[in-house]
Structure formats: structure tokens, C-alpha cells
Amino acid sequence: MHFKDVAPTLISTIILFGFILFSFLAMKPEYSGVKQEVVLFLLGAWSTMAAGVVNYWVGSSAGSKNKDDIIAKQGSPSP
């Protein structure tokens, strides 16, 4: 498995877990030890990144990657 295959999955996982963490902290601000405004600001930033992750895996980026893979397979000589 190549790094370029693992990297999007790893980054997506980190972003989604961060979004879940900040969602929890927004609901339970007493656990974070910081002001609720800071948690809500971070939740907004992480929710934007989480939306980007969903758009990558479900939206046009996934289709573009599939197209690139098909083109690469057609261009390579078969054994």
C-alpha cells in the first residue's frame, strides 16, 4: 500500500475524530477547562474541515480520483 493511498484516509480519520471531540466538548464545556466560546470557535473550524472530508469522499474529488486511476491503468502496459 502506498502512502498516497493511506494519507487521505488517515487525515480524514483525524479530522472526524477531532470534530467528534469538539462536538462533545461543546455539549459538556465543564470537561474542557476552557471558555465555551473557544470550544464553539474550534467546533466551527473542525465542522468546516469535516464537511470537506465528506465532500472529498462522497463528492467530485472521489470521482476525479477514480477517473485518474482508470486512466493510469489504461496507460500502463499489461503484463
PDB file of N, CA and C in Angstrom:
ATOM      1  N   MET A   1       0.844  -1.174   0.000  1.00  0.00           N
ATOM      2  CA  MET A   1       0.000   0.000   0.000  1.00  0.00           C
ATOM      3  C   MET A   1       0.887   1.233   0.000  1.00  0.00           C
ATOM      4  N   HIS A   2       0.566   2.179  -0.830  1.00  0.00           N
ATOM      5  CA  HIS A   2       1.354   3.384  -0.964  1.00  0.00           C
ATOM      6  C   HIS A   2       0.886   4.453   0.011  1.00  0.00           C
ATOM      7  N   PHE A   3       1.804   5.380   0.321  1.00  0.00           N
ATOM      8  CA  PHE A   3       1.478   6.477   1.240  1.00  0.00           C
ATOM      9  C   PHE A   3       0.348   7.328   0.699  1.00  0.00           C
ATOM     10  N   LYS A   4       0.325   7.547  -0.620  1.00  0.00           N
ATOM     11  CA  LYS A   4      -0.728   8.399  -1.173  1.00  0.00           C
ATOM     12  C   LYS A   4      -2.103   7.747  -1.056  1.00  0.00           C
ATOM     13  N   ASP A   5      -2.148   6.424  -0.856  1.00  0.00           N
ATOM     14  CA  ASP A   5      -3.416   5.748  -0.620  1.00  0.00           C
ATOM     15  C   ASP A   5      -3.833   5.837   0.848  1.00  0.00           C
ATOM     16  N   VAL A   6      -2.864   5.868   1.747  1.00  0.00           N
ATOM     17  CA  VAL A   6      -3.137   5.877   3.186  1.00  0.00           C
ATOM     18  C   VAL A   6      -3.367   7.291   3.712  1.00  0.00           C
ATOM     19  N   ALA A   7      -2.683   8.261   3.162  1.00  0.00           N
ATOM     20  CA  ALA A   7      -2.728   9.627   3.689  1.00  0.00           C
ATOM     21  C   ALA A   7      -4.135  10.226   3.744  1.00  0.00           C
ATOM     22  N   PRO A   8      -4.946  10.154   2.661  1.00  0.00           N
ATOM     23  CA  PRO A   8      -6.289  10.741   2.767  1.00  0.00           C
ATOM     24  C   PRO A   8      -7.146  10.066   3.844  1.00  0.00           C
ATOM     25  N   THR A   9      -6.998   8.759   3.977  1.00  0.00           N
ATOM     26  CA  THR A   9      -7.773   8.042   4.994  1.00  0.00           C
ATOM     27  C   THR A   9      -7.343   8.452   6.394  1.00  0.00           C
ATOM     28  N   LEU A  10      -6.047   8.546   6.623  1.00  0.00           N
ATOM     29  CA  LEU A  10      -5.531   8.932   7.934  1.00  0.00           C
ATOM     30  C   LEU A  10      -5.938  10.358   8.292  1.00  0.00           C
ATOM     31  N   ILE A  11      -5.771  11.274   7.368  1.00  0.00           N
ATOM     32  CA  ILE A  11      -6.137  12.672   7.623  1.00  0.00           C
ATOM     33  C   ILE A  11      -7.639  12.801   7.861  1.00  0.00           C
ATOM     34  N   SER A  12      -8.432  12.086   7.082  1.00  0.00           N
ATOM     35  CA  SER A  12      -9.887  12.124   7.253  1.00  0.00           C
ATOM     36  C   SER A  12     -10.289  11.592   8.621  1.00  0.00           C
ATOM     37  N   THR A  13      -9.649  10.519   9.057  1.00  0.00           N
ATOM     38  CA  THR A  13      -9.949   9.939  10.364  1.00  0.00           C
ATOM     39  C   THR A  13      -9.616  10.916  11.480  1.00  0.00           C
ATOM     40  N   ILE A  14      -8.466  11.553  11.397  1.00  0.00           N
ATOM     41  CA  ILE A  14      -8.062  12.531  12.416  1.00  0.00           C
ATOM     42  C   ILE A  14      -9.061  13.688  12.471  1.00  0.00           C
ATOM     43  N   ILE A  15      -9.453  14.191  11.322  1.00  0.00           N
ATOM     44  CA  ILE A  15     -10.385  15.321  11.276  1.00  0.00           C
ATOM     45  C   ILE A  15     -11.743  14.932  11.849  1.00  0.00           C
ATOM     46  N   LEU A  16     -12.246  13.749  11.496  1.00  0.00           N
ATOM     47  CA  LEU A  16     -13.555  13.345  12.005  1.00  0.00           C
ATOM     48  C   LEU A  16     -13.526  13.085  13.508  1.00  0.00           C
ATOM     49  N   PHE A  17     -12.432  12.502  14.021  1.00  0.00           N
ATOM     50  CA  PHE A  17     -12.331  12.318  15.470  1.00  0.00           C
ATOM     51  C   PHE A  17     -12.208  13.663  16.185  1.00  0.00           C
ATOM     52  N   GLY A  18     -11.494  14.616  15.596  1.00  0.00           N
ATOM     53  CA  GLY A  18     -11.412  15.954  16.180  1.00  0.00           C
ATOM     54  C   GLY A  18     -12.772  16.632  16.224  1.00  0.00           C
ATOM     55  N   PHE A  19     -13.539  16.471  15.146  1.00  0.00           N
ATOM     56  CA  PHE A  19     -14.888  17.040  15.112  1.00  0.00           C
ATOM     57  C   PHE A  19     -15.767  16.416  16.200  1.00  0.00           C
ATOM     58  N   ILE A  20     -15.669  15.105  16.366  1.00  0.00           N
ATOM     59  CA  ILE A  20     -16.447  14.428  17.415  1.00  0.00           C
ATOM     60  C   ILE A  20     -16.026  14.931  18.791  1.00  0.00           C
ATOM     61  N   LEU A  21     -14.717  15.091  19.004  1.00  0.00           N
ATOM     62  CA  LEU A  21     -14.215  15.584  20.287  1.00  0.00           C
ATOM     63  C   LEU A  21     -14.746  16.974  20.598  1.00  0.00           C
ATOM     64  N   PHE A  22     -14.639  17.896  19.637  1.00  0.00           N
ATOM     65  CA  PHE A  22     -15.107  19.253  19.894  1.00  0.00           C
ATOM     66  C   PHE A  22     -16.626  19.324  19.993  1.00  0.00           C
ATOM     67  N   SER A  23     -17.341  18.431  19.324  1.00  0.00           N
ATOM     68  CA  SER A  23     -18.797  18.365  19.491  1.00  0.00           C
ATOM     69  C   SER A  23     -19.139  17.976  20.917  1.00  0.00           C
ATOM     70  N   PHE A  24     -18.406  16.997  21.444  1.00  0.00           N
ATOM     71  CA  PHE A  24     -18.624  16.573  22.828  1.00  0.00           C
ATOM     72  C   PHE A  24     -18.294  17.709  23.795  1.00  0.00           C
ATOM     73  N   LEU A  25     -17.162  18.374  23.563  1.00  0.00           N
ATOM     74  CA  LEU A  25     -16.774  19.469  24.462  1.00  0.00           C
ATOM     75  C   LEU A  25     -17.735  20.647  24.390  1.00  0.00           C
ATOM     76  N   ALA A  26     -18.370  20.848  23.239  1.00  0.00           N
ATOM     77  CA  ALA A  26     -19.360  21.922  23.131  1.00  0.00           C
ATOM     78  C   ALA A  26     -20.595  21.592  23.954  1.00  0.00           C
ATOM     79  N   MET A  27     -20.906  20.296  24.052  1.00  0.00           N
ATOM     80  CA  MET A  27     -22.070  19.898  24.846  1.00  0.00           C
ATOM     81  C   MET A  27     -21.745  19.816  26.339  1.00  0.00           C
ATOM     82  N   LYS A  28     -20.478  19.541  26.668  1.00  0.00           N
ATOM     83  CA  LYS A  28     -20.048  19.418  28.064  1.00  0.00           C
ATOM     84  C   LYS A  28     -18.841  20.320  28.317  1.00  0.00           C
ATOM     85  N   PRO A  29     -19.034  21.641  28.341  1.00  0.00           N
ATOM     86  CA  PRO A  29     -17.885  22.556  28.465  1.00  0.00           C
ATOM     87  C   PRO A  29     -17.137  22.424  29.789  1.00  0.00           C
ATOM     88  N   GLU A  30     -17.758  21.865  30.804  1.00  0.00           N
ATOM     89  CA  GLU A  30     -17.069  21.728  32.090  1.00  0.00           C
ATOM     90  C   GLU A  30     -15.908  20.735  32.019  1.00  0.00           C
ATOM     91  N   TYR A  31     -15.883  19.838  31.031  1.00  0.00           N
ATOM     92  CA  TYR A  31     -14.793  18.876  30.883  1.00  0.00           C
ATOM     93  C   TYR A  31     -13.560  19.479  30.229  1.00  0.00           C
ATOM     94  N   SER A  32     -13.714  20.545  29.478  1.00  0.00           N
ATOM     95  CA  SER A  32     -12.583  21.071  28.715  1.00  0.00           C
ATOM     96  C   SER A  32     -11.687  21.998  29.535  1.00  0.00           C
ATOM     97  N   GLY A  33     -12.234  22.702  30.484  1.00  0.00           N
ATOM     98  CA  GLY A  33     -11.442  23.629  31.274  1.00  0.00           C
ATOM     99  C   GLY A  33     -11.133  24.936  30.561  1.00  0.00           C
ATOM    100  N   VAL A  34     -11.741  25.171  29.414  1.00  0.00           N
ATOM    101  CA  VAL A  34     -11.571  26.437  28.694  1.00  0.00           C
ATOM    102  C   VAL A  34     -12.946  27.071  28.512  1.00  0.00           C
ATOM    103  N   LYS A  35     -12.940  28.313  28.090  1.00  0.00           N
ATOM    104  CA  LYS A  35     -14.204  29.016  27.898  1.00  0.00           C
ATOM    105  C   LYS A  35     -15.009  28.365  26.777  1.00  0.00           C
ATOM    106  N   GLN A  36     -16.307  28.404  26.928  1.00  0.00           N
ATOM    107  CA  GLN A  36     -17.188  27.794  25.938  1.00  0.00           C
ATOM    108  C   GLN A  36     -17.055  28.474  24.576  1.00  0.00           C
ATOM    109  N   GLU A  37     -16.758  29.766  24.563  1.00  0.00           N
ATOM    110  CA  GLU A  37     -16.608  30.478  23.295  1.00  0.00           C
ATOM    111  C   GLU A  37     -15.456  29.904  22.468  1.00  0.00           C
ATOM    112  N   VAL A  38     -14.372  29.535  23.152  1.00  0.00           N
ATOM    113  CA  VAL A  38     -13.221  28.953  22.459  1.00  0.00           C
ATOM    114  C   VAL A  38     -13.601  27.598  21.863  1.00  0.00           C
ATOM    115  N   VAL A  39     -14.306  26.794  22.645  1.00  0.00           N
ATOM    116  CA  VAL A  39     -14.731  25.478  22.158  1.00  0.00           C
ATOM    117  C   VAL A  39     -15.663  25.635  20.962  1.00  0.00           C
ATOM    118  N   LEU A  40     -16.577  26.586  21.027  1.00  0.00           N
ATOM    119  CA  LEU A  40     -17.501  26.788  19.907  1.00  0.00           C
ATOM    120  C   LEU A  40     -16.774  27.282  18.659  1.00  0.00           C
ATOM    121  N   PHE A  41     -15.764  28.128  18.841  1.00  0.00           N
ATOM    122  CA  PHE A  41     -14.967  28.577  17.706  1.00  0.00           C
ATOM    123  C   PHE A  41     -14.249  27.393  17.053  1.00  0.00           C
ATOM    124  N   LEU A  42     -13.625  26.559  17.883  1.00  0.00           N
ATOM    125  CA  LEU A  42     -12.928  25.386  17.354  1.00  0.00           C
ATOM    126  C   LEU A  42     -13.894  24.395  16.722  1.00  0.00           C
ATOM    127  N   LEU A  43     -15.079  24.263  17.296  1.00  0.00           N
ATOM    128  CA  LEU A  43     -16.090  23.384  16.712  1.00  0.00           C
ATOM    129  C   LEU A  43     -16.470  23.864  15.318  1.00  0.00           C
ATOM    130  N   GLY A  44     -16.579  25.168  15.134  1.00  0.00           N
ATOM    131  CA  GLY A  44     -16.896  25.710  13.813  1.00  0.00           C
ATOM    132  C   GLY A  44     -15.801  25.421  12.802  1.00  0.00           C
ATOM    133  N   ALA A  45     -14.556  25.568  13.228  1.00  0.00           N
ATOM    134  CA  ALA A  45     -13.437  25.288  12.323  1.00  0.00           C
ATOM    135  C   ALA A  45     -13.381  23.802  11.966  1.00  0.00           C
ATOM    136  N   TRP A  46     -13.539  22.945  12.969  1.00  0.00           N
ATOM    137  CA  TRP A  46     -13.482  21.499  12.711  1.00  0.00           C
ATOM    138  C   TRP A  46     -14.693  21.015  11.931  1.00  0.00           C
ATOM    139  N   SER A  47     -15.841  21.664  12.098  1.00  0.00           N
ATOM    140  CA  SER A  47     -17.013  21.250  11.312  1.00  0.00           C
ATOM    141  C   SER A  47     -16.808  21.590   9.838  1.00  0.00           C
ATOM    142  N   THR A  48     -16.113  22.684   9.561  1.00  0.00           N
ATOM    143  CA  THR A  48     -15.783  23.018   8.180  1.00  0.00           C
ATOM    144  C   THR A  48     -14.846  21.970   7.583  1.00  0.00           C
ATOM    145  N   MET A  49     -13.858  21.548   8.362  1.00  0.00           N
ATOM    146  CA  MET A  49     -12.945  20.511   7.881  1.00  0.00           C
ATOM    147  C   MET A  49     -13.675  19.181   7.705  1.00  0.00           C
ATOM    148  N   ALA A  50     -14.604  18.860   8.615  1.00  0.00           N
ATOM    149  CA  ALA A  50     -15.368  17.617   8.492  1.00  0.00           C
ATOM    150  C   ALA A  50     -16.235  17.644   7.234  1.00  0.00           C
ATOM    151  N   ALA A  51     -16.797  18.794   6.909  1.00  0.00           N
ATOM    152  CA  ALA A  51     -17.578  18.915   5.672  1.00  0.00           C
ATOM    153  C   ALA A  51     -16.680  18.702   4.455  1.00  0.00           C
ATOM    154  N   GLY A  52     -15.453  19.186   4.518  1.00  0.00           N
ATOM    155  CA  GLY A  52     -14.502  18.956   3.437  1.00  0.00           C
ATOM    156  C   GLY A  52     -14.164  17.482   3.269  1.00  0.00           C
ATOM    157  N   VAL A  53     -14.056  16.766   4.381  1.00  0.00           N
ATOM    158  CA  VAL A  53     -13.798  15.326   4.329  1.00  0.00           C
ATOM    159  C   VAL A  53     -14.949  14.603   3.639  1.00  0.00           C
ATOM    160  N   VAL A  54     -16.163  14.928   4.023  1.00  0.00           N
ATOM    161  CA  VAL A  54     -17.334  14.294   3.404  1.00  0.00           C
ATOM    162  C   VAL A  54     -17.388  14.632   1.917  1.00  0.00           C
ATOM    163  N   ASN A  55     -17.119  15.877   1.575  1.00  0.00           N
ATOM    164  CA  ASN A  55     -17.116  16.263   0.165  1.00  0.00           C
ATOM    165  C   ASN A  55     -16.050  15.518  -0.621  1.00  0.00           C
ATOM    166  N   TYR A  56     -14.901  15.269  -0.008  1.00  0.00           N
ATOM    167  CA  TYR A  56     -13.836  14.544  -0.698  1.00  0.00           C
ATOM    168  C   TYR A  56     -14.265  13.112  -0.987  1.00  0.00           C
ATOM    169  N   TRP A  57     -14.793  12.425   0.029  1.00  0.00           N
ATOM    170  CA  TRP A  57     -15.100  11.003  -0.127  1.00  0.00           C
ATOM    171  C   TRP A  57     -16.387  10.749  -0.901  1.00  0.00           C
ATOM    172  N   VAL A  58     -17.323  11.673  -0.849  1.00  0.00           N
ATOM    173  CA  VAL A  58     -18.611  11.450  -1.497  1.00  0.00           C
ATOM    174  C   VAL A  58     -18.753  12.290  -2.766  1.00  0.00           C
ATOM    175  N   GLY A  59     -18.092  13.418  -2.800  1.00  0.00           N
ATOM    176  CA  GLY A  59     -18.290  14.365  -3.889  1.00  0.00           C
ATOM    177  C   GLY A  59     -17.396  14.149  -5.087  1.00  0.00           C
ATOM    178  N   SER A  60     -17.127  15.219  -5.781  1.00  0.00           N
ATOM    179  CA  SER A  60     -16.439  15.151  -7.067  1.00  0.00           C
ATOM    180  C   SER A  60     -14.977  14.742  -6.942  1.00  0.00           C
ATOM    181  N   SER A  61     -14.336  14.960  -5.801  1.00  0.00           N
ATOM    182  CA  SER A  61     -12.936  14.564  -5.652  1.00  0.00           C
ATOM    183  C   SER A  61     -12.776  13.054  -5.744  1.00  0.00           C
ATOM    184  N   ALA A  62     -13.712  12.309  -5.163  1.00  0.00           N
ATOM    185  CA  ALA A  62     -13.645  10.850  -5.249  1.00  0.00           C
ATOM    186  C   ALA A  62     -13.825  10.399  -6.693  1.00  0.00           C
ATOM    187  N   GLY A  63     -14.745  11.017  -7.408  1.00  0.00           N
ATOM    188  CA  GLY A  63     -14.948  10.679  -8.816  1.00  0.00           C
ATOM    189  C   GLY A  63     -13.732  11.030  -9.653  1.00  0.00           C
ATOM    190  N   SER A  64     -13.101  12.144  -9.345  1.00  0.00           N
ATOM    191  CA  SER A  64     -11.902  12.553 -10.062  1.00  0.00           C
ATOM    192  C   SER A  64     -10.757  11.576  -9.803  1.00  0.00           C
ATOM    193  N   LYS A  65     -10.628  11.118  -8.567  1.00  0.00           N
ATOM    194  CA  LYS A  65      -9.583  10.147  -8.241  1.00  0.00           C
ATOM    195  C   LYS A  65      -9.831   8.830  -8.970  1.00  0.00           C
ATOM    196  N   ASN A  66     -11.085   8.387  -9.008  1.00  0.00           N
ATOM    197  CA  ASN A  66     -11.410   7.153  -9.725  1.00  0.00           C
ATOM    198  C   ASN A  66     -11.077   7.295 -11.207  1.00  0.00           C
ATOM    199  N   LYS A  67     -11.372   8.441 -11.775  1.00  0.00           N
ATOM    200  CA  LYS A  67     -11.055   8.691 -13.183  1.00  0.00           C
ATOM    201  C   LYS A  67      -9.554   8.636 -13.413  1.00  0.00           C
ATOM    202  N   ASP A  68      -8.786   9.255 -12.523  1.00  0.00           N
ATOM    203  CA  ASP A  68      -7.331   9.239 -12.649  1.00  0.00           C
ATOM    204  C   ASP A  68      -6.780   7.821 -12.555  1.00  0.00           C
ATOM    205  N   ASP A  69      -7.354   7.004 -11.652  1.00  0.00           N
ATOM    206  CA  ASP A  69      -6.916   5.613 -11.515  1.00  0.00           C
ATOM    207  C   ASP A  69      -7.198   4.820 -12.784  1.00  0.00           C
ATOM    208  N   ILE A  70      -8.358   5.037 -13.377  1.00  0.00           N
ATOM    209  CA  ILE A  70      -8.710   4.326 -14.613  1.00  0.00           C
ATOM    210  C   ILE A  70      -7.772   4.734 -15.747  1.00  0.00           C
ATOM    211  N   ILE A  71      -7.496   6.012 -15.858  1.00  0.00           N
ATOM    212  CA  ILE A  71      -6.589   6.495 -16.898  1.00  0.00           C
ATOM    213  C   ILE A  71      -5.189   5.930 -16.690  1.00  0.00           C
ATOM    214  N   ALA A  72      -4.739   5.882 -15.431  1.00  0.00           N
ATOM    215  CA  ALA A  72      -3.418   5.339 -15.147  1.00  0.00           C
ATOM    216  C   ALA A  72      -3.331   3.863 -15.516  1.00  0.00           C
ATOM    217  N   LYS A  73      -4.393   3.109 -15.256  1.00  0.00           N
ATOM    218  CA  LYS A  73      -4.405   1.673 -15.603  1.00  0.00           C
ATOM    219  C   LYS A  73      -4.408   1.474 -17.120  1.00  0.00           C
ATOM    220  N   GLN A  74      -5.100   2.330 -17.836  1.00  0.00           N
ATOM    221  CA  GLN A  74      -5.163   2.200 -19.289  1.00  0.00           C
ATOM    222  C   GLN A  74      -3.830   2.561 -19.926  1.00  0.00           C
ATOM    223  N   GLY A  75      -3.086   3.459 -19.304  1.00  0.00           N
ATOM    224  CA  GLY A  75      -1.824   3.907 -19.858  1.00  0.00           C
ATOM    225  C   GLY A  75      -0.672   2.972 -19.550  1.00  0.00           C
ATOM    226  N   SER A  76      -0.806   2.122 -18.526  1.00  0.00           N
ATOM    227  CA  SER A  76       0.291   1.243 -18.171  1.00  0.00           C
ATOM    228  C   SER A  76       0.240  -0.036 -19.010  1.00  0.00           C
ATOM    229  N   PRO A  77       1.408  -0.560 -19.361  1.00  0.00           N
ATOM    230  CA  PRO A  77       1.429  -1.794 -20.149  1.00  0.00           C
ATOM    231  C   PRO A  77       0.974  -2.980 -19.309  1.00  0.00           C
ATOM    232  N   SER A  78       0.208  -3.858 -19.905  1.00  0.00           N
ATOM    233  CA  SER A  78      -0.285  -5.024 -19.172  1.00  0.00           C
ATOM    234  C   SER A  78       0.768  -6.136 -19.208  1.00  0.00           C
ATOM    235  N   PRO A  79       0.878  -6.900 -18.118  1.00  0.00           N
ATOM    236  CA  PRO A  79       1.918  -7.945 -18.030  1.00  0.00           C
ATOM    237  C   PRO A  79       1.629  -9.129 -18.917  1.00  0.00           C
TER     238      PRO A  79
END
